[in-house]
PDB file of N, CA and C in Angstrom:
ATOM      1  N   MET A   1     155.062 311.495  58.846  1.00  0.00           N
ATOM      2  CA  MET A   1     155.946 311.584  59.986  1.00  0.00           C
ATOM      3  C   MET A   1     155.792 310.356  60.879  1.00  0.00           C
ATOM      4  N   SER A   2     154.581 309.831  60.969  1.00  0.00           N
ATOM      5  CA  SER A   2     154.380 308.679  61.852  1.00  0.00           C
ATOM      6  C   SER A   2     155.160 307.461  61.362  1.00  0.00           C
ATOM      7  N   ALA A   3     155.259 307.286  60.036  1.00  0.00           N
ATOM      8  CA  ALA A   3     156.040 306.160  59.504  1.00  0.00           C
ATOM      9  C   ALA A   3     157.509 306.304  59.874  1.00  0.00           C
ATOM     10  N   ILE A   4     158.031 307.508  59.764  1.00  0.00           N
ATOM     11  CA  ILE A   4     159.432 307.754  60.087  1.00  0.00           C
ATOM     12  C   ILE A   4     159.692 307.555  61.575  1.00  0.00           C
ATOM     13  N   GLU A   5     158.769 307.997  62.413  1.00  0.00           N
ATOM     14  CA  GLU A   5     158.928 307.815  63.860  1.00  0.00           C
ATOM     15  C   GLU A   5     158.923 306.342  64.244  1.00  0.00           C
ATOM     16  N   ARG A   6     158.175 305.539  63.500  1.00  0.00           N
ATOM     17  CA  ARG A   6     158.070 304.110  63.823  1.00  0.00           C
ATOM     18  C   ARG A   6     159.131 303.273  63.123  1.00  0.00           C
ATOM     19  N   CYS A   7     159.912 303.879  62.240  1.00  0.00           N
ATOM     20  CA  CYS A   7     160.905 303.155  61.442  1.00  0.00           C
ATOM     21  C   CYS A   7     161.874 302.377  62.319  1.00  0.00           C
ATOM     22  N   ARG A   8     162.071 301.123  61.962  1.00  0.00           N
ATOM     23  CA  ARG A   8     163.000 300.213  62.628  1.00  0.00           C
ATOM     24  C   ARG A   8     162.728 300.087  64.124  1.00  0.00           C
ATOM     25  N   THR A   9     161.446 300.025  64.443  1.00  0.00           N
ATOM     26  CA  THR A   9     161.008 299.767  65.814  1.00  0.00           C
ATOM     27  C   THR A   9     160.042 298.587  65.785  1.00  0.00           C
ATOM     28  N   ALA A  10     159.681 298.098  66.953  1.00  0.00           N
ATOM     29  CA  ALA A  10     158.749 296.974  67.048  1.00  0.00           C
ATOM     30  C   ALA A  10     157.387 297.307  66.443  1.00  0.00           C
ATOM     31  N   ALA A  11     157.068 298.583  66.344  1.00  0.00           N
ATOM     32  CA  ALA A  11     155.781 298.993  65.788  1.00  0.00           C
ATOM     33  C   ALA A  11     155.609 298.536  64.340  1.00  0.00           C
ATOM     34  N   LEU A  12     156.713 298.374  63.613  1.00  0.00           N
ATOM     35  CA  LEU A  12     156.651 297.922  62.221  1.00  0.00           C
ATOM     36  C   LEU A  12     157.010 296.444  62.086  1.00  0.00           C
ATOM     37  N   ASP A  13     157.039 295.754  63.219  1.00  0.00           N
ATOM     38  CA  ASP A  13     157.352 294.321  63.241  1.00  0.00           C
ATOM     39  C   ASP A  13     158.826 294.107  62.876  1.00  0.00           C
ATOM     40  N   GLY A  14     159.226 292.893  62.777  1.00  0.00           N
ATOM     41  CA  GLY A  14     160.617 292.601  62.491  1.00  0.00           C
ATOM     42  C   GLY A  14     160.837 291.128  62.264  1.00  0.00           C
ATOM     43  N   HIS A  15     162.108 290.726  62.272  1.00  0.00           N
ATOM     44  CA  HIS A  15     162.468 289.333  62.070  1.00  0.00           C
ATOM     45  C   HIS A  15     163.764 289.050  62.835  1.00  0.00           C
ATOM     46  N   VAL A  16     164.099 287.787  62.969  1.00  0.00           N
ATOM     47  CA  VAL A  16     165.304 287.391  63.692  1.00  0.00           C
ATOM     48  C   VAL A  16     166.380 287.036  62.675  1.00  0.00           C
ATOM     49  N   GLU A  17     167.554 287.638  62.835  1.00  0.00           N
ATOM     50  CA  GLU A  17     168.704 287.308  61.991  1.00  0.00           C
ATOM     51  C   GLU A  17     169.641 286.427  62.799  1.00  0.00           C
ATOM     52  N   GLU A  18     170.255 285.449  62.141  1.00  0.00           N
ATOM     53  CA  GLU A  18     171.151 284.536  62.848  1.00  0.00           C
ATOM     54  C   GLU A  18     172.429 284.353  62.041  1.00  0.00           C
ATOM     55  N   CYS A  19     173.560 284.415  62.720  1.00  0.00           N
ATOM     56  CA  CYS A  19     174.869 284.221  62.100  1.00  0.00           C
ATOM     57  C   CYS A  19     175.043 282.735  61.759  1.00  0.00           C
ATOM     58  N   ASP A  20     175.452 282.457  60.521  1.00  0.00           N
ATOM     59  CA  ASP A  20     175.661 281.075  60.077  1.00  0.00           C
ATOM     60  C   ASP A  20     176.863 280.418  60.751  1.00  0.00           C
ATOM     61  N   HIS A  21     177.794 281.224  61.257  1.00  0.00           N
ATOM     62  CA  HIS A  21     179.022 280.681  61.846  1.00  0.00           C
ATOM     63  C   HIS A  21     178.902 280.425  63.345  1.00  0.00           C
ATOM     64  N   CYS A  22     178.415 281.423  64.065  1.00  0.00           N
ATOM     65  CA  CYS A  22     178.401 281.286  65.535  1.00  0.00           C
ATOM     66  C   CYS A  22     177.004 281.092  66.119  1.00  0.00           C
ATOM     67  N   GLY A  23     175.975 281.300  65.314  1.00  0.00           N
ATOM     68  CA  GLY A  23     174.618 281.131  65.799  1.00  0.00           C
ATOM     69  C   GLY A  23     174.061 282.313  66.564  1.00  0.00           C
ATOM     70  N   HIS A  24     174.828 283.415  66.653  1.00  0.00           N
ATOM     71  CA  HIS A  24     174.343 284.613  67.352  1.00  0.00           C
ATOM     72  C   HIS A  24     173.081 285.125  66.662  1.00  0.00           C
ATOM     73  N   GLN A  25     172.096 285.486  67.456  1.00  0.00           N
ATOM     74  CA  GLN A  25     170.837 285.989  66.934  1.00  0.00           C
ATOM     75  C   GLN A  25     170.613 287.428  67.367  1.00  0.00           C
ATOM     76  N   ARG A  26     169.917 288.174  66.496  1.00  0.00           N
ATOM     77  CA  ARG A  26     169.504 289.529  66.850  1.00  0.00           C
ATOM     78  C   ARG A  26     168.197 289.824  66.145  1.00  0.00           C
ATOM     79  N   ILE A  27     167.445 290.726  66.763  1.00  0.00           N
ATOM     80  CA  ILE A  27     166.173 291.147  66.170  1.00  0.00           C
ATOM     81  C   ILE A  27     166.445 292.319  65.238  1.00  0.00           C
ATOM     82  N   ALA A  28     165.937 292.231  64.025  1.00  0.00           N
ATOM     83  CA  ALA A  28     166.057 293.314  63.050  1.00  0.00           C
ATOM     84  C   ALA A  28     164.646 293.816  62.750  1.00  0.00           C
ATOM     85  N   TYR A  29     164.390 295.062  63.113  1.00  0.00           N
ATOM     86  CA  TYR A  29     163.068 295.635  62.891  1.00  0.00           C
ATOM     87  C   TYR A  29     162.941 296.147  61.469  1.00  0.00           C
ATOM     88  N   ASN A  30     161.737 296.100  60.947  1.00  0.00           N
ATOM     89  CA  ASN A  30     161.480 296.507  59.562  1.00  0.00           C
ATOM     90  C   ASN A  30     161.565 298.020  59.390  1.00  0.00           C
ATOM     91  N   SER A  31     161.918 298.412  58.190  1.00  0.00           N
ATOM     92  CA  SER A  31     162.035 299.819  57.832  1.00  0.00           C
ATOM     93  C   SER A  31     160.716 300.350  57.301  1.00  0.00           C
ATOM     94  N   CYS A  32     160.539 301.657  57.399  1.00  0.00           N
ATOM     95  CA  CYS A  32     159.317 302.279  56.883  1.00  0.00           C
ATOM     96  C   CYS A  32     159.375 302.450  55.366  1.00  0.00           C
ATOM     97  N   ARG A  33     160.564 302.552  54.810  1.00  0.00           N
ATOM     98  CA  ARG A  33     160.810 302.720  53.380  1.00  0.00           C
ATOM     99  C   ARG A  33     160.254 304.038  52.835  1.00  0.00           C
ATOM    100  N   ASN A  34     160.035 304.991  53.738  1.00  0.00           N
ATOM    101  CA  ASN A  34     159.552 306.308  53.331  1.00  0.00           C
ATOM    102  C   ASN A  34     160.710 307.055  52.660  1.00  0.00           C
ATOM    103  N   ARG A  35     160.440 307.736  51.568  1.00  0.00           N
ATOM    104  CA  ARG A  35     161.522 308.401  50.835  1.00  0.00           C
ATOM    105  C   ARG A  35     162.128 309.576  51.593  1.00  0.00           C
ATOM    106  N   HIS A  36     161.464 310.044  52.638  1.00  0.00           N
ATOM    107  CA  HIS A  36     161.992 311.143  53.432  1.00  0.00           C
ATOM    108  C   HIS A  36     162.730 310.661  54.680  1.00  0.00           C
ATOM    109  N   CYS A  37     162.739 309.370  54.953  1.00  0.00           N
ATOM    110  CA  CYS A  37     163.302 308.832  56.188  1.00  0.00           C
ATOM    111  C   CYS A  37     164.829 308.840  56.137  1.00  0.00           C
ATOM    112  N   PRO A  38     165.478 309.471  57.113  1.00  0.00           N
ATOM    113  CA  PRO A  38     166.942 309.508  57.120  1.00  0.00           C
ATOM    114  C   PRO A  38     167.566 308.134  57.363  1.00  0.00           C
ATOM    115  N   LYS A  39     166.851 307.236  58.018  1.00  0.00           N
ATOM    116  CA  LYS A  39     167.393 305.887  58.238  1.00  0.00           C
ATOM    117  C   LYS A  39     167.322 305.062  56.952  1.00  0.00           C
ATOM    118  N   CYS A  40     166.170 305.080  56.309  1.00  0.00           N
ATOM    119  CA  CYS A  40     165.958 304.245  55.126  1.00  0.00           C
ATOM    120  C   CYS A  40     166.698 304.763  53.896  1.00  0.00           C
ATOM    121  N   GLN A  41     166.834 306.051  53.784  1.00  0.00           N
ATOM    122  CA  GLN A  41     167.371 306.628  52.554  1.00  0.00           C
ATOM    123  C   GLN A  41     168.815 307.103  52.667  1.00  0.00           C
ATOM    124  N   SER A  42     169.517 306.761  53.736  1.00  0.00           N
ATOM    125  CA  SER A  42     170.878 307.274  53.915  1.00  0.00           C
ATOM    126  C   SER A  42     171.813 306.809  52.808  1.00  0.00           C
ATOM    127  N   LEU A  43     171.726 305.556  52.385  1.00  0.00           N
ATOM    128  CA  LEU A  43     172.594 305.070  51.312  1.00  0.00           C
ATOM    129  C   LEU A  43     172.229 305.697  49.973  1.00  0.00           C
ATOM    130  N   VAL A  44     170.940 305.827  49.711  1.00  0.00           N
ATOM    131  CA  VAL A  44     170.492 306.461  48.472  1.00  0.00           C
ATOM    132  C   VAL A  44     170.938 307.917  48.447  1.00  0.00           C
ATOM    133  N   ARG A  45     170.800 308.604  49.584  1.00  0.00           N
ATOM    134  CA  ARG A  45     171.211 310.010  49.674  1.00  0.00           C
ATOM    135  C   ARG A  45     172.714 310.151  49.449  1.00  0.00           C
ATOM    136  N   ALA A  46     173.499 309.276  50.066  1.00  0.00           N
ATOM    137  CA  ALA A  46     174.954 309.332  49.912  1.00  0.00           C
ATOM    138  C   ALA A  46     175.352 309.093  48.455  1.00  0.00           C
ATOM    139  N   GLN A  47     174.697 308.146  47.793  1.00  0.00           N
ATOM    140  CA  GLN A  47     174.988 307.890  46.385  1.00  0.00           C
ATOM    141  C   GLN A  47     174.607 309.075  45.522  1.00  0.00           C
ATOM    142  N   TRP A  48     173.451 309.702  45.817  1.00  0.00           N
ATOM    143  CA  TRP A  48     173.018 310.869  45.067  1.00  0.00           C
ATOM    144  C   TRP A  48     174.032 312.005  45.214  1.00  0.00           C
ATOM    145  N   LEU A  49     174.483 312.247  46.440  1.00  0.00           N
ATOM    146  CA  LEU A  49     175.464 313.310  46.667  1.00  0.00           C
ATOM    147  C   LEU A  49     176.773 313.030  45.934  1.00  0.00           C
ATOM    148  N   GLU A  50     177.214 311.782  45.962  1.00  0.00           N
ATOM    149  CA  GLU A  50     178.442 311.406  45.263  1.00  0.00           C
ATOM    150  C   GLU A  50     178.296 311.637  43.757  1.00  0.00           C
ATOM    151  N   ASP A  51     177.150 311.259  43.213  1.00  0.00           N
ATOM    152  CA  ASP A  51     176.892 311.476  41.788  1.00  0.00           C
ATOM    153  C   ASP A  51     176.877 312.958  41.441  1.00  0.00           C
ATOM    154  N   ARG A  52     176.253 313.770  42.282  1.00  0.00           N
ATOM    155  CA  ARG A  52     176.214 315.214  42.020  1.00  0.00           C
ATOM    156  C   ARG A  52     177.612 315.820  42.129  1.00  0.00           C
ATOM    157  N   GLN A  53     178.412 315.387  43.080  1.00  0.00           N
ATOM    158  CA  GLN A  53     179.764 315.914  43.223  1.00  0.00           C
ATOM    159  C   GLN A  53     180.617 315.580  42.007  1.00  0.00           C
ATOM    160  N   ALA A  54     180.356 314.418  41.398  1.00  0.00           N
ATOM    161  CA  ALA A  54     181.089 314.046  40.186  1.00  0.00           C
ATOM    162  C   ALA A  54     180.723 314.959  39.022  1.00  0.00           C
ATOM    163  N   ASP A  55     179.532 315.559  39.049  1.00  0.00           N
ATOM    164  CA  ASP A  55     179.085 316.465  37.991  1.00  0.00           C
ATOM    165  C   ASP A  55     179.686 317.872  38.115  1.00  0.00           C
ATOM    166  N   LEU A  56     180.181 318.221  39.284  1.00  0.00           N
ATOM    167  CA  LEU A  56     180.667 319.581  39.518  1.00  0.00           C
ATOM    168  C   LEU A  56     181.950 319.866  38.746  1.00  0.00           C
ATOM    169  N   ILE A  57     182.048 321.072  38.246  1.00  0.00           N
ATOM    170  CA  ILE A  57     183.289 321.499  37.616  1.00  0.00           C
ATOM    171  C   ILE A  57     184.094 322.267  38.658  1.00  0.00           C
ATOM    172  N   PRO A  58     185.410 322.324  38.520  1.00  0.00           N
ATOM    173  CA  PRO A  58     186.254 322.923  39.560  1.00  0.00           C
ATOM    174  C   PRO A  58     186.242 324.453  39.576  1.00  0.00           C
ATOM    175  N   VAL A  59     185.086 325.036  39.867  1.00  0.00           N
ATOM    176  CA  VAL A  59     184.945 326.482  40.000  1.00  0.00           C
ATOM    177  C   VAL A  59     184.070 326.761  41.204  1.00  0.00           C
ATOM    178  N   GLU A  60     184.107 327.994  41.679  1.00  0.00           N
ATOM    179  CA  GLU A  60     183.238 328.374  42.783  1.00  0.00           C
ATOM    180  C   GLU A  60     181.812 328.573  42.266  1.00  0.00           C
ATOM    181  N   TYR A  61     180.867 328.189  43.097  1.00  0.00           N
ATOM    182  CA  TYR A  61     179.458 328.346  42.750  1.00  0.00           C
ATOM    183  C   TYR A  61     178.843 329.379  43.675  1.00  0.00           C
ATOM    184  N   PHE A  62     177.840 330.085  43.161  1.00  0.00           N
ATOM    185  CA  PHE A  62     177.118 331.059  43.953  1.00  0.00           C
ATOM    186  C   PHE A  62     175.630 330.829  43.771  1.00  0.00           C
ATOM    187  N   HIS A  63     174.892 331.043  44.812  1.00  0.00           N
ATOM    188  CA  HIS A  63     173.430 330.951  44.753  1.00  0.00           C
ATOM    189  C   HIS A  63     172.920 332.379  44.678  1.00  0.00           C
ATOM    190  N   VAL A  64     172.312 332.719  43.557  1.00  0.00           N
ATOM    191  CA  VAL A  64     171.805 334.070  43.345  1.00  0.00           C
ATOM    192  C   VAL A  64     170.321 333.981  43.036  1.00  0.00           C
ATOM    193  N   VAL A  65     169.547 334.778  43.742  1.00  0.00           N
ATOM    194  CA  VAL A  65     168.111 334.841  43.497  1.00  0.00           C
ATOM    195  C   VAL A  65     167.774 336.276  43.114  1.00  0.00           C
ATOM    196  N   PHE A  66     167.119 336.435  41.973  1.00  0.00           N
ATOM    197  CA  PHE A  66     166.742 337.780  41.550  1.00  0.00           C
ATOM    198  C   PHE A  66     165.529 337.703  40.633  1.00  0.00           C
ATOM    199  N   THR A  67     164.897 338.839  40.459  1.00  0.00           N
ATOM    200  CA  THR A  67     163.772 338.961  39.534  1.00  0.00           C
ATOM    201  C   THR A  67     164.168 339.965  38.470  1.00  0.00           C
ATOM    202  N   LEU A  68     164.034 339.565  37.234  1.00  0.00           N
ATOM    203  CA  LEU A  68     164.386 340.432  36.124  1.00  0.00           C
ATOM    204  C   LEU A  68     163.103 341.064  35.580  1.00  0.00           C
ATOM    205  N   PRO A  69     162.996 342.388  35.621  1.00  0.00           N
ATOM    206  CA  PRO A  69     161.780 343.039  35.128  1.00  0.00           C
ATOM    207  C   PRO A  69     161.569 342.747  33.640  1.00  0.00           C
ATOM    208  N   GLU A  70     160.334 342.570  33.261  1.00  0.00           N
ATOM    209  CA  GLU A  70     160.009 342.232  31.872  1.00  0.00           C
ATOM    210  C   GLU A  70     160.521 343.299  30.895  1.00  0.00           C
ATOM    211  N   ALA A  71     160.552 344.528  31.323  1.00  0.00           N
ATOM    212  CA  ALA A  71     160.965 345.623  30.427  1.00  0.00           C
ATOM    213  C   ALA A  71     162.409 345.485  29.949  1.00  0.00           C
ATOM    214  N   ILE A  72     163.267 344.846  30.702  1.00  0.00           N
ATOM    215  CA  ILE A  72     164.668 344.712  30.273  1.00  0.00           C
ATOM    216  C   ILE A  72     165.047 343.251  29.982  1.00  0.00           C
ATOM    217  N   ALA A  73     164.068 342.413  29.803  1.00  0.00           N
ATOM    218  CA  ALA A  73     164.349 340.981  29.629  1.00  0.00           C
ATOM    219  C   ALA A  73     164.527 340.561  28.178  1.00  0.00           C
ATOM    220  N   THR A  74     164.721 341.479  27.278  1.00  0.00           N
ATOM    221  CA  THR A  74     164.950 341.120  25.882  1.00  0.00           C
ATOM    222  C   THR A  74     166.404 341.399  25.519  1.00  0.00           C
ATOM    223  N   PRO A  75     166.986 340.645  24.597  1.00  0.00           N
ATOM    224  CA  PRO A  75     168.393 340.834  24.226  1.00  0.00           C
ATOM    225  C   PRO A  75     168.711 342.246  23.725  1.00  0.00           C
ATOM    226  N   LYS A  76     167.759 342.910  23.054  1.00  0.00           N
ATOM    227  CA  LYS A  76     168.060 344.259  22.543  1.00  0.00           C
ATOM    228  C   LYS A  76     168.326 345.243  23.683  1.00  0.00           C
ATOM    229  N   HIS A  77     167.720 345.032  24.863  1.00  0.00           N
ATOM    230  CA  HIS A  77     167.975 345.909  25.998  1.00  0.00           C
ATOM    231  C   HIS A  77     169.210 345.489  26.786  1.00  0.00           C
ATOM    232  N   LEU A  78     169.555 344.236  26.742  1.00  0.00           N
ATOM    233  CA  LEU A  78     170.718 343.774  27.500  1.00  0.00           C
ATOM    234  C   LEU A  78     172.009 343.904  26.713  1.00  0.00           C
ATOM    235  N   GLY A  79     171.916 343.897  25.394  1.00  0.00           N
ATOM    236  CA  GLY A  79     173.106 344.006  24.576  1.00  0.00           C
ATOM    237  C   GLY A  79     173.950 342.740  24.599  1.00  0.00           C
ATOM    238  N   ALA A  80     173.336 341.635  24.924  1.00  0.00           N
ATOM    239  CA  ALA A  80     174.081 340.372  24.999  1.00  0.00           C
ATOM    240  C   ALA A  80     173.113 339.219  24.780  1.00  0.00           C
ATOM    241  N   GLU A  81     173.678 338.059  24.615  1.00  0.00           N
ATOM    242  CA  GLU A  81     172.841 336.871  24.555  1.00  0.00           C
ATOM    243  C   GLU A  81     172.497 336.438  25.968  1.00  0.00           C
ATOM    244  N   ILE A  82     171.235 336.094  26.178  1.00  0.00           N
ATOM    245  CA  ILE A  82     170.812 335.643  27.491  1.00  0.00           C
ATOM    246  C   ILE A  82     171.135 334.162  27.616  1.00  0.00           C
ATOM    247  N   GLY A  83     171.769 333.801  28.701  1.00  0.00           N
ATOM    248  CA  GLY A  83     172.060 332.400  28.949  1.00  0.00           C
ATOM    249  C   GLY A  83     172.166 332.161  30.443  1.00  0.00           C
ATOM    250  N   PHE A  84     171.526 331.118  30.929  1.00  0.00           N
ATOM    251  CA  PHE A  84     171.566 330.813  32.349  1.00  0.00           C
ATOM    252  C   PHE A  84     171.067 329.411  32.590  1.00  0.00           C
ATOM    253  N   ILE A  85     171.337 328.918  33.730  1.00  0.00           N
ATOM    254  CA  ILE A  85     170.769 327.662  34.193  1.00  0.00           C
ATOM    255  C   ILE A  85     169.844 328.030  35.337  1.00  0.00           C
ATOM    256  N   ALA A  86     168.606 327.550  35.275  1.00  0.00           N
ATOM    257  CA  ALA A  86     167.640 327.876  36.312  1.00  0.00           C
ATOM    258  C   ALA A  86     167.085 326.600  36.917  1.00  0.00           C
ATOM    259  N   ILE A  87     166.971 326.601  38.197  1.00  0.00           N
ATOM    260  CA  ILE A  87     166.377 325.472  38.906  1.00  0.00           C
ATOM    261  C   ILE A  87     165.335 326.035  39.854  1.00  0.00           C
ATOM    262  N   LEU A  88     164.120 325.540  39.744  1.00  0.00           N
ATOM    263  CA  LEU A  88     163.069 325.929  40.669  1.00  0.00           C
ATOM    264  C   LEU A  88     162.991 324.859  41.742  1.00  0.00           C
ATOM    265  N   HIS A  89     163.280 325.233  42.942  1.00  0.00           N
ATOM    266  CA  HIS A  89     163.292 324.289  44.064  1.00  0.00           C
ATOM    267  C   HIS A  89     162.370 324.851  45.136  1.00  0.00           C
ATOM    268  N   THR A  90     161.181 324.265  45.262  1.00  0.00           N
ATOM    269  CA  THR A  90     160.212 324.847  46.168  1.00  0.00           C
ATOM    270  C   THR A  90     159.321 323.774  46.775  1.00  0.00           C
ATOM    271  N   TRP A  91     158.818 324.030  47.933  1.00  0.00           N
ATOM    272  CA  TRP A  91     157.838 323.169  48.595  1.00  0.00           C
ATOM    273  C   TRP A  91     156.639 324.037  48.945  1.00  0.00           C
ATOM    274  N   GLY A  92     155.536 323.811  48.273  1.00  0.00           N
ATOM    275  CA  GLY A  92     154.300 324.492  48.620  1.00  0.00           C
ATOM    276  C   GLY A  92     154.258 325.967  48.281  1.00  0.00           C
ATOM    277  N   GLN A  93     155.187 326.450  47.515  1.00  0.00           N
ATOM    278  CA  GLN A  93     155.185 327.859  47.141  1.00  0.00           C
ATOM    279  C   GLN A  93     154.178 328.082  46.028  1.00  0.00           C
ATOM    280  N   ASN A  94     153.259 328.980  46.225  1.00  0.00           N
ATOM    281  CA  ASN A  94     152.288 329.302  45.186  1.00  0.00           C
ATOM    282  C   ASN A  94     152.926 330.219  44.164  1.00  0.00           C
ATOM    283  N   LEU A  95     152.909 329.794  42.912  1.00  0.00           N
ATOM    284  CA  LEU A  95     153.519 330.615  41.864  1.00  0.00           C
ATOM    285  C   LEU A  95     152.467 331.296  41.018  1.00  0.00           C
TER     286      LEU A  95
END
């Protein structure tokens, strides 16, 4: 968090940028380059979202969370072929 708080401030030092045409100068502070920083990763995040949107098919999506008891988790009890896409998305969850 401290890197993100200091991102693009004098705390991370910087450099002077100068326009080749008019000579206008400005101070540009260095980035933290932390992968969680909203300033540093905004372009990467936008590209990632665009790429994911291109993968979507034109149907409605639903987020469903459930636990299937082991006793009915075999095809002979379901009467069908089991098929699904599963994504585990967790931070610090003990499994």
